[in-house]
Protein backbone atom coordinates (compact mmCIF):
# COMPACT_ATOMS: atom_id res chain seq x y z
CA MET A 1 -88.05 168.35 36.71
CA PRO A 2 -85.12 166.51 38.10
CA ARG A 3 -81.70 166.52 36.40
CA ASP A 4 -81.42 162.75 36.11
CA VAL A 5 -84.43 162.53 33.81
CA ARG A 6 -83.62 165.72 32.09
CA SER A 7 -80.36 163.70 31.09
CA LEU A 8 -82.34 160.91 29.83
CA LEU A 9 -84.30 162.85 27.69
CA LEU A 10 -81.42 164.36 25.66
CA LEU A 11 -79.62 160.73 25.08
CA PRO A 12 -79.78 160.03 21.05
CA ALA A 13 -82.27 157.93 19.76
CA VAL A 14 -81.21 154.24 19.63
CA PRO A 15 -82.66 152.28 16.77
CA LEU A 16 -85.38 149.47 17.70
CA ALA A 17 -84.07 146.87 15.13
CA PRO A 18 -80.70 146.19 16.68
CA LEU A 19 -82.33 145.81 20.06
CA LEU A 20 -84.75 143.20 18.77
CA GLY A 21 -81.80 141.30 17.05
CA LEU A 22 -79.82 141.16 20.10
CA ALA A 23 -83.20 139.71 21.75
CA CYS A 24 -83.44 137.28 19.27
CA ASN A 25 -79.96 136.06 19.44
CA ASP A 26 -80.08 135.96 23.24
CA TYR A 27 -83.20 133.72 22.60
CA ASN A 28 -81.42 131.36 20.43
CA VAL A 29 -78.59 130.68 23.03
CA LYS A 30 -81.15 129.72 25.79
CA ILE A 31 -82.52 127.25 23.51
CA GLY A 32 -79.64 125.39 23.39
CA GLU A 33 -78.95 122.07 21.50
CA PRO A 34 -79.52 118.15 22.41
CA THR A 35 -77.05 115.83 23.18
CA VAL A 36 -77.45 112.06 23.29
CA ALA A 37 -76.07 109.97 26.02
CA LEU A 38 -76.32 106.03 26.19
CA SER A 39 -76.20 104.20 29.68
CA SER A 40 -74.16 101.51 27.83
CA GLU A 41 -72.52 101.62 24.35
CA ILE A 42 -73.21 97.78 24.11
CA ILE A 43 -75.74 95.27 25.07
CA ASP A 44 -74.06 92.06 26.05
CA PHE A 45 -76.60 88.86 26.14
CA GLY A 46 -73.86 86.39 27.21
CA GLU A 47 -75.18 82.93 26.85
CA VAL A 48 -78.70 82.20 25.77
CA VAL A 49 -79.99 78.63 24.98
CA VAL A 50 -80.72 77.98 21.19
CA GLY A 51 -84.62 78.66 20.52
CA ASN A 52 -84.96 80.85 23.76
CA GLN A 53 -85.22 84.58 23.87
CA SER A 54 -83.71 87.28 25.84
CA THR A 55 -84.45 90.83 25.77
CA ILE A 56 -82.17 93.64 27.25
CA GLY A 57 -82.68 97.43 27.19
CA ILE A 58 -80.24 100.43 27.66
CA LEU A 59 -81.23 104.10 28.32
CA VAL A 60 -81.05 106.88 25.65
CA GLU A 61 -80.70 110.09 27.64
CA ASN A 62 -80.64 113.61 26.54
CA THR A 63 -78.13 115.58 28.60
CA GLY A 64 -78.13 118.81 26.22
CA THR A 65 -80.14 121.77 26.44
CA GLY A 66 -82.36 121.55 23.58
CA PRO A 67 -85.15 118.90 22.76
CA LEU A 68 -83.37 115.66 21.17
CA THR A 69 -85.30 113.71 18.39
CA ILE A 70 -84.48 110.51 17.51
CA GLU A 71 -85.04 109.87 13.94
CA SER A 72 -84.34 106.53 13.49
CA ALA A 73 -83.15 103.37 15.12
CA GLU A 74 -82.22 100.28 13.07
CA LEU A 75 -80.01 97.37 13.24
CA ASP A 76 -77.03 97.81 10.34
CA GLY A 77 -76.02 95.52 7.76
CA THR A 78 -73.30 93.73 9.50
CA THR A 79 -75.96 92.31 12.68
CA SER A 80 -76.90 88.74 12.82
CA MET A 81 -80.47 87.46 11.75
CA ASP A 82 -80.74 86.39 15.54
CA TYR A 83 -81.38 89.69 16.66
CA ALA A 84 -84.70 92.02 16.15
CA PHE A 85 -84.88 95.30 17.14
CA VAL A 86 -87.73 95.66 19.54
CA GLU A 87 -89.02 99.22 20.61
CA LEU A 88 -87.98 102.83 21.97
CA THR A 89 -90.30 103.75 24.46
CA GLN A 90 -90.13 107.43 23.41
CA TRP A 91 -88.79 109.29 20.46
CA THR A 92 -88.55 112.67 21.24
CA LEU A 93 -86.71 113.66 24.50
CA ASP A 94 -86.47 116.81 26.49
CA LYS A 95 -83.56 117.92 28.26
CA GLY A 96 -82.86 115.51 31.21
CA GLN A 97 -85.27 112.71 29.70
CA SER A 98 -84.68 109.14 28.91
CA ALA A 99 -86.30 106.37 26.76
CA GLU A 100 -85.53 102.67 27.08
CA LEU A 101 -84.07 101.16 23.80
CA ARG A 102 -84.78 97.17 23.95
CA VAL A 103 -83.37 94.58 21.83
CA ARG A 104 -84.45 90.73 21.52
CA TYR A 105 -81.83 87.84 20.91
CA VAL A 106 -83.36 84.67 19.85
CA PRO A 107 -79.95 82.42 18.69
CA ASP A 108 -81.06 79.53 16.36
CA VAL A 109 -77.72 77.63 16.05
CA VAL A 110 -74.78 77.28 18.75
CA GLY A 111 -72.09 80.18 18.33
CA GLN A 112 -71.33 83.47 18.66
CA ASP A 113 -73.58 86.36 17.29
CA PHE A 114 -72.67 90.11 16.84
CA GLY A 115 -74.79 93.27 15.71
CA ARG A 116 -75.31 97.01 15.93
CA VAL A 117 -78.14 99.24 16.49
CA GLN A 118 -77.50 102.50 14.99
CA LEU A 119 -79.29 105.49 16.25
CA THR A 120 -79.87 108.75 14.15
CA THR A 121 -80.73 111.75 16.03
CA ASN A 122 -80.63 115.91 15.80
CA ASP A 123 -77.44 115.78 18.14
CA PRO A 124 -75.26 118.14 16.11
CA ASP A 125 -71.97 117.11 17.46
CA VAL A 126 -72.95 112.99 17.11
CA PRO A 127 -75.85 112.56 14.43
CA ILE A 128 -75.36 108.88 14.49
CA THR A 129 -74.54 106.76 17.81
CA ASN A 130 -74.16 103.31 17.79
CA VAL A 131 -74.73 100.23 20.34
CA ASP A 132 -73.08 97.24 19.81
CA LEU A 133 -74.66 93.58 20.19
CA SER A 134 -73.05 90.59 21.52
CA GLY A 135 -74.51 87.11 22.26
CA PHE A 136 -73.74 83.47 22.10
CA GLY A 137 -75.97 80.80 21.14
CA VAL A 138 -75.63 77.27 23.51
CA GLU A 139 -77.15 74.10 23.89
CA PRO A 140 -76.23 72.53 27.35
CA GLU A 141 -77.54 68.77 27.83
CA ILE A 142 -77.97 67.01 31.03
CA ASP A 143 -76.28 63.48 31.73
CA LEU A 144 -77.26 61.30 34.31
CA ASP A 145 -75.64 58.25 35.45
CA PRO A 146 -76.75 55.94 36.11
CA ASP A 147 -80.71 56.25 34.83
CA ILE A 148 -81.52 53.27 37.32
CA LEU A 149 -80.97 53.07 41.00
CA TRP A 150 -82.04 49.38 42.44
CA PHE A 151 -81.61 49.63 46.20
CA GLY A 152 -82.54 45.85 46.50
CA ASP A 153 -84.13 44.59 49.55
CA VAL A 154 -83.91 47.10 52.59
CA ALA A 155 -85.39 46.08 55.87
CA GLU A 156 -87.79 48.30 57.49
CA GLY A 157 -85.93 50.85 59.65
CA ALA A 158 -82.76 50.22 58.08
CA SER A 159 -81.13 52.66 55.16
CA LYS A 160 -78.97 52.37 51.96
CA THR A 161 -77.59 55.02 49.83
CA LEU A 162 -76.55 55.16 46.10
CA ALA A 163 -75.25 58.11 44.09
CA VAL A 164 -76.04 59.78 40.64
CA GLU A 165 -73.95 61.71 38.35
CA VAL A 166 -75.45 64.91 37.13
CA SER A 167 -72.95 65.93 34.25
CA ALA A 168 -73.00 68.96 31.99
CA ARG A 169 -72.64 68.40 28.14
CA GLY A 170 -73.18 70.33 25.24
CA THR A 171 -72.25 73.66 25.07
CA GLY A 172 -72.67 76.58 27.37
CA THR A 173 -73.37 76.22 31.18
CA LEU A 174 -75.96 73.72 32.47
CA LYS A 175 -78.42 75.39 34.93
CA LEU A 176 -79.84 72.75 37.24
CA THR A 177 -83.02 74.71 38.58
CA ASP A 178 -84.77 71.99 40.73
CA ILE A 179 -84.50 68.31 41.81
CA GLN A 180 -88.09 66.67 42.99
CA LEU A 181 -88.92 63.35 44.29
CA ALA A 182 -92.18 61.64 42.39
CA GLU A 183 -95.28 62.18 44.54
CA GLY A 184 -95.60 59.58 47.59
CA LEU A 185 -91.83 59.08 47.70
CA ALA A 186 -90.66 61.61 50.39
CA GLY A 187 -91.27 59.17 53.08
CA SER A 188 -89.06 56.78 52.06
CA TYR A 189 -86.60 58.34 49.71
CA SER A 190 -84.45 61.40 50.49
CA PHE A 191 -81.40 62.97 48.66
CA SER A 192 -78.71 65.58 49.51
CA LEU A 193 -76.44 67.64 47.14
CA PRO A 194 -72.57 68.09 47.82
CA ALA A 195 -71.32 70.60 51.05
CA GLY A 196 -71.81 74.09 49.66
CA VAL A 197 -74.08 73.21 46.47
CA GLY A 198 -77.49 74.84 46.64
CA LEU A 199 -80.26 75.24 44.04
CA PRO A 200 -80.11 76.40 41.07
CA TYR A 201 -76.92 75.48 40.31
CA GLU A 202 -74.64 75.96 37.27
CA LEU A 203 -72.28 73.48 35.76
CA VAL A 204 -69.85 74.20 32.94
CA SER A 205 -69.75 71.96 30.15
CA GLY A 206 -67.41 68.88 31.26
CA THR A 207 -68.05 68.88 34.88
CA SER A 208 -70.47 66.99 37.03
CA LEU A 209 -71.63 66.90 40.77
CA SER A 210 -72.68 63.72 42.66
CA VAL A 211 -76.44 63.51 44.11
CA ILE A 212 -76.76 60.99 47.01
CA VAL A 213 -80.23 59.11 47.12
CA SER A 214 -80.97 57.27 50.42
CA PHE A 215 -83.91 54.59 50.74
CA SER A 216 -85.04 54.38 54.26
CA PRO A 217 -88.46 52.25 53.60
CA GLU A 218 -91.12 52.54 56.50
CA THR A 219 -92.47 49.13 55.30
CA VAL A 220 -91.23 46.05 53.34
CA ASP A 221 -93.24 46.96 50.83
CA GLU A 222 -91.77 47.63 47.08
CA LEU A 223 -91.71 51.00 46.56
CA SER A 224 -90.59 52.74 42.95
CA GLY A 225 -90.94 56.18 41.53
CA GLU A 226 -88.55 58.74 39.82
CA LEU A 227 -86.17 61.33 40.98
CA ILE A 228 -86.78 64.33 38.39
CA PHE A 229 -84.17 66.70 37.48
CA SER A 230 -85.09 70.27 35.88
CA SER A 231 -82.84 72.04 33.93
CA ASN A 232 -82.14 74.65 30.77
CA ASP A 233 -81.47 71.49 28.36
CA PRO A 234 -83.76 72.42 25.64
CA HIS A 235 -84.23 68.90 24.86
CA ALA A 236 -84.94 67.64 28.13
CA ARG A 237 -86.39 70.11 30.37
CA GLU A 238 -86.86 67.25 33.21
CA ALA A 239 -84.49 63.99 33.34
CA ALA A 240 -85.51 61.21 35.65
CA VAL A 241 -83.44 58.82 37.48
CA GLN A 242 -85.98 55.80 37.99
CA LEU A 243 -85.89 54.36 41.75
CA LEU A 244 -86.58 50.77 42.73
CA GLY A 245 -86.59 49.99 46.32
CA ASN A 246 -87.42 46.58 47.89
CA ALA A 247 -87.80 45.32 44.17
CA VAL A 248 -86.90 41.82 43.62
CA ASP A 249 -85.90 41.69 40.13
CA ASP A 250 -82.42 43.72 39.53
CA PRO A 251 -83.00 45.49 36.35
CA THR A 252 -79.52 46.19 35.91
CA ASP A 253 -78.69 42.58 35.75
CA ASN A 254 -75.86 42.08 33.20
CA ALA A 255 -75.85 45.59 33.29
CA ALA A 256 -74.32 47.45 30.72
CA PRO A 257 -70.64 48.41 30.55
CA VAL A 258 -69.85 51.92 32.00
CA VAL A 259 -67.71 54.18 29.40
CA SER A 260 -66.21 57.30 30.73
CA ILE A 261 -64.42 59.19 27.70
CA SER A 262 -61.30 61.19 29.17
CA ASP A 263 -59.87 62.53 25.92
CA PRO A 264 -60.84 64.35 23.69
CA ASP A 265 -62.83 66.84 25.87
CA TRP A 266 -65.99 68.51 24.93
CA GLY A 267 -66.10 71.39 22.59
CA GLN A 268 -62.52 70.39 21.16
CA TYR A 269 -61.62 71.40 17.59
CA PHE A 270 -59.69 69.02 15.07
CA LEU A 271 -58.61 69.11 11.29
CA THR A 272 -59.78 66.35 9.10
CA ASP A 273 -56.07 64.80 8.44
CA ASP A 274 -55.49 64.66 12.55
CA GLU A 275 -54.74 61.37 13.89
CA LEU A 276 -57.26 61.48 16.96
CA THR A 277 -56.91 58.96 19.69
CA VAL A 278 -60.13 58.21 21.85
CA LYS A 279 -59.10 57.68 25.38
CA ALA A 280 -61.38 56.23 27.81
CA VAL A 281 -62.12 54.21 31.10
CA VAL A 282 -64.50 51.11 30.83
CA TYR A 283 -65.90 49.11 33.90
CA ASP A 284 -68.46 46.16 33.66
CA GLU A 285 -70.11 44.18 36.41
CA GLU A 286 -69.95 40.87 35.15
CA ASP A 287 -66.75 40.90 32.50
CA GLN A 288 -63.03 41.41 32.90
CA PRO A 289 -62.39 44.85 31.29
CA ASP A 290 -60.04 42.85 28.42
CA GLU A 291 -63.19 40.79 27.65
CA LEU A 292 -64.65 43.73 26.25
CA VAL A 293 -64.66 45.36 22.68
CA CYS A 294 -64.78 49.14 22.21
CA ILE A 295 -65.79 50.88 18.81
CA ALA A 296 -65.68 54.56 17.94
CA TYR A 297 -67.91 56.33 15.77
CA ALA A 298 -68.42 59.58 14.24
CA GLY A 299 -72.55 59.73 14.10
CA SER A 300 -73.19 56.45 12.57
CA SER A 301 -69.88 55.92 10.74
CA PRO A 302 -67.14 53.54 12.61
CA LEU A 303 -63.56 55.04 13.13
CA GLY A 304 -61.78 52.46 14.73
CA THR A 305 -61.76 49.78 17.44
CA GLY A 306 -59.82 48.89 20.71
CA VAL A 307 -59.71 46.39 23.70
CA PRO A 308 -59.42 47.62 27.19
CA ASP A 309 -56.38 46.50 29.43
CA ALA A 310 -56.89 44.56 32.44
CA ALA A 311 -57.47 48.21 34.46
CA GLY A 312 -60.18 49.08 31.98
CA ASN A 313 -58.04 51.69 30.20
CA VAL A 314 -58.70 51.84 26.25
CA GLU A 315 -57.25 53.68 23.49
CA VAL A 316 -58.89 53.37 20.03
CA PRO A 317 -56.73 55.13 17.15
CA THR A 318 -59.07 56.78 14.62
CA PHE A 319 -57.89 58.45 11.12
CA GLY A 320 -59.94 60.37 8.51
CA LEU A 321 -62.23 62.54 10.51
CA PRO A 322 -65.19 63.88 8.64
CA ALA A 323 -65.72 67.58 8.63
CA GLY A 324 -68.30 69.20 10.79
CA GLU A 325 -69.85 68.93 14.27
CA LEU A 326 -69.47 65.55 15.24
CA ASP A 327 -70.70 63.68 18.15
CA LEU A 328 -67.74 61.35 18.68
CA VAL A 329 -69.26 57.85 20.40
CA LEU A 330 -67.47 55.26 22.30
CA ARG A 331 -69.55 52.04 22.49
CA CYS A 332 -68.12 49.22 24.30
CA LEU A 333 -69.73 45.42 23.96
CA ASP A 334 -69.63 43.00 26.82
CA THR A 335 -69.91 39.23 26.76
CA GLY A 336 -73.52 39.25 27.32
CA GLY A 337 -74.37 41.51 24.67
CA ALA A 338 -74.94 44.77 26.69
CA THR A 339 -73.76 47.80 25.08
CA GLY A 340 -72.60 51.11 27.37
CA GLU A 341 -71.21 54.18 25.58
CA ASP A 342 -70.36 57.86 26.19
CA SER A 343 -70.11 60.86 23.86
CA VAL A 344 -68.51 63.93 23.46
CA GLU A 345 -69.18 66.68 21.09
CA ILE A 346 -66.30 67.97 18.62
CA SER A 347 -65.93 70.22 15.80
CA VAL A 348 -63.48 69.10 12.87
CA PHE A 349 -62.54 71.44 10.03
CA ASN A 350 -61.05 70.87 6.74
CA PRO A 351 -57.96 73.03 6.61
CA LYS A 352 -58.17 73.67 2.91
CA GLU A 353 -60.97 75.44 3.46
CA PRO A 354 -61.30 78.86 5.29
CA ILE A 355 -61.86 78.70 9.17
CA SER A 356 -63.63 81.34 11.42
CA TYR A 357 -61.41 83.27 13.85
CA VAL A 358 -61.94 86.05 16.19
CA LEU A 359 -59.15 88.54 17.16
CA SER A 360 -60.02 90.08 20.36
CA GLY A 361 -58.49 92.00 23.24
CA GLY A 362 -57.87 89.31 26.07
CA GLY A 363 -58.17 85.59 26.95
CA THR A 364 -61.57 85.07 25.71
CA PRO A 365 -63.56 85.72 22.05
CA PHE A 366 -65.71 88.24 23.71
CA ASP A 367 -63.31 90.65 24.99
CA TRP A 368 -63.09 94.16 23.38
CA PHE A 369 -60.04 96.09 22.71
CA ALA A 370 -59.01 99.75 22.90
CA VAL A 371 -56.83 101.86 20.44
CA ASP A 372 -55.53 105.20 20.49
CA ASP A 373 -56.50 106.57 17.62
CA ASP A 374 -57.11 104.88 14.59
CA VAL A 375 -56.78 101.13 13.58
CA ALA A 376 -56.47 99.22 10.55
CA ILE A 377 -56.19 95.36 10.47
CA TYR A 378 -55.12 93.35 7.08
CA LEU A 379 -55.33 89.72 6.25
CA ASP A 380 -52.49 89.04 3.65
CA GLY A 381 -52.83 92.89 2.51
CA GLU A 382 -56.72 92.83 2.54
CA LEU A 383 -58.38 95.09 4.72
CA ILE A 384 -60.65 93.16 7.36
CA TYR A 385 -61.32 96.07 9.85
CA SER A 386 -60.66 99.72 10.54
CA ASP A 387 -61.43 102.83 12.43
CA THR A 388 -61.04 106.16 11.07
CA ASN A 389 -62.78 108.62 13.52
CA HIS A 390 -59.42 109.92 14.89
CA THR A 391 -60.17 109.70 18.50
CA GLN A 392 -59.35 106.72 21.06
CA ASP A 393 -62.16 104.21 20.86
CA THR A 394 -62.89 100.81 22.17
CA HIS A 395 -63.71 97.94 19.70
CA PRO A 396 -65.83 94.83 19.48
CA PRO A 397 -64.14 91.58 18.59
CA VAL A 398 -63.23 91.29 14.87
CA ASN A 399 -64.61 88.04 13.01
CA PHE A 400 -63.17 86.63 9.88
CA GLU A 401 -62.43 83.45 8.02
CA ALA A 402 -58.85 82.72 7.07
CA GLU A 403 -56.49 79.82 6.78
CA VAL A 404 -53.51 78.79 8.69
CA GLY A 405 -50.28 80.63 7.50
CA GLN A 406 -51.91 83.76 6.39
CA GLU A 407 -50.60 86.94 8.25
CA ILE A 408 -52.42 89.38 9.71
CA ARG A 409 -50.98 93.03 10.16
CA VAL A 410 -52.20 95.82 12.44
CA VAL A 411 -51.54 99.37 11.68
CA VAL A 412 -52.23 102.24 13.98
CA THR A 413 -52.44 105.97 13.39
CA ASP A 414 -51.79 108.76 15.72
CA TYR A 415 -53.72 112.01 16.09
CA ASN A 416 -53.48 112.77 19.51
CA TYR A 417 -49.66 113.61 20.69
CA CYS A 418 -50.48 113.14 24.50
CA ASP A 419 -51.73 109.53 24.41
CA THR A 420 -51.43 106.82 21.88
CA TYR A 421 -51.99 102.97 22.64
CA LEU A 422 -53.29 99.53 21.50
CA SER A 423 -54.33 96.88 23.93
CA THR A 424 -53.19 93.43 23.88
CA LEU A 425 -54.50 91.33 20.76
CA ARG A 426 -55.11 87.70 21.00
CA LEU A 427 -56.24 85.32 18.31
CA HIS A 428 -59.05 82.81 18.85
CA PHE A 429 -60.48 79.43 17.04
CA GLY A 430 -63.50 78.77 18.70
CA THR A 431 -63.87 78.93 22.35
CA ALA A 432 -61.00 76.70 23.42
CA ASN A 433 -57.81 77.43 21.14
CA SER A 434 -55.80 80.59 20.92
CA GLN A 435 -52.50 82.12 20.25
CA ASP A 436 -50.63 85.20 21.09
CA GLY A 437 -51.28 87.94 18.71
CA LEU A 438 -49.51 91.33 19.56
CA GLU A 439 -48.58 92.54 22.96
CA GLY A 440 -49.85 96.17 22.13
CA PHE A 441 -48.00 99.61 22.93
CA CYS A 442 -48.50 102.74 25.01
CA PHE A 443 -46.64 105.92 25.07
CA SER A 444 -47.01 109.56 24.99
CA ALA A 445 -45.10 112.81 24.73
CA CYS A 446 -46.72 114.46 27.69
CA PRO A 447 -44.27 114.36 30.83
CA ASP A 448 -46.92 114.04 33.19
CA HIS A 449 -48.61 110.93 31.44
CA GLU A 450 -47.87 107.33 32.62
CA CYS A 451 -46.81 106.45 29.10
CA PHE A 452 -44.60 109.16 28.71
CA ASP A 453 -41.62 108.57 25.89
CA GLY A 454 -39.34 111.40 25.69
CA SER A 455 -38.24 109.90 22.17
CA TYR A 456 -41.67 110.05 20.84
CA ALA A 457 -41.96 113.40 18.82
CA GLY A 458 -44.33 112.89 16.15
CA PRO A 459 -45.37 113.43 13.59
CA TRP A 460 -49.36 113.62 14.12
CA PRO A 461 -50.84 112.42 12.29
CA GLY A 462 -48.59 109.62 11.40
CA VAL A 463 -48.43 105.77 11.85
CA VAL A 464 -47.04 105.21 15.25
CA TYR A 465 -47.48 101.31 14.98
CA GLU A 466 -47.25 98.19 12.68
CA ASP A 467 -46.63 94.69 13.36
CA SER A 468 -47.85 91.49 11.98
CA PHE A 469 -47.93 87.45 12.95
CA VAL A 470 -48.79 84.72 11.13
CA ILE A 471 -51.83 82.33 11.82
CA SER A 472 -51.07 79.10 13.43
CA ILE A 473 -54.07 77.53 14.97
CA PRO A 474 -55.81 75.20 15.21
């Protein structure tokens, strides 16, 4: 028998159980643990027209080595009722697999909506994962001026052009998707957009563009029809301008005054005790401007009157604005009894009642802010927002109700000596008015860090920043 074989036979016996135990432990290591990962930590729906729905999805992936089980996916208690959890395409994910999480947003009123989907999984390190939701309900409105184009008599082979002003009113972005001539008009009518403008085209509320319409008749016969504008206006998906060519009667005879409000702007905010002056420019084909009378209304309630000057400029002072979302209307009457008007939508608040504010990390109410590590935000000493997970985080804007003169205090606690910071914070009232909040800060105890501060020496954990400011808007 070979000597190496004899040596093996002489080795002491090794108990079998420990070897089996080692094998089991080794097997457990090979099984591994699941890790949940998201393709995005926020679903931002942007602007959605009131009554319409938008569905957006993100991917939930298992980047670990063991099976991932998604035990639940629910909207938390702070979520707007305008959000609905749609579906998760798969609830158990093997290593490297992913599923799509889809959420539906259907705004029922104009305004900002926030929410959060909470995922509960068997990830041992992060059993609860959040997906933040953000969306803004809008109600754009298309305004066509004038709504009748009368070309009069145009000889065969000749041409005449007129313009239509397409303006965006309401809230949000007006999306002009199509412009079409009614059937049978294409041979004699044509239209053109400004240079560089194509369809579809988006108009921010308060802006406009001119569409040039040409009439080049092939005969001397009367030819009438419509130029049809399609948009995302929820109340007028199709709006039309009437076209009248070689028509003897002028439908614009004793035309109504043309009224254009220059101040206030659409979407501006006011308080009930503000003294608001409505400013406008008025034009009438038959009458001199100073022969007109103009009246300002909030809904059907008159607020004040004014007479234009010789150049057509008119200012109407108003007092005692009613609270609420208002259509501020300026109607002007000429000597022939024709009435023209223009309107803007404004919001009026009672200063004695709490007003909705947004504290965000930038120039819009939708900007997130970053902090390292924990943050607490107080309103007159009452906690309105906090983060206590001891890590750096990015947070959605903070929504709350307050009154002018109340104080906002922000406290940052540091747990990581090498990096601590807070984004610039800005306070917003609606989408137009805002004020400076806090400048934020960034410093570190690590020499190689861009925010190194040699005087920063802890203690950790400890409060590293505390500052406050007083609400002064609107």
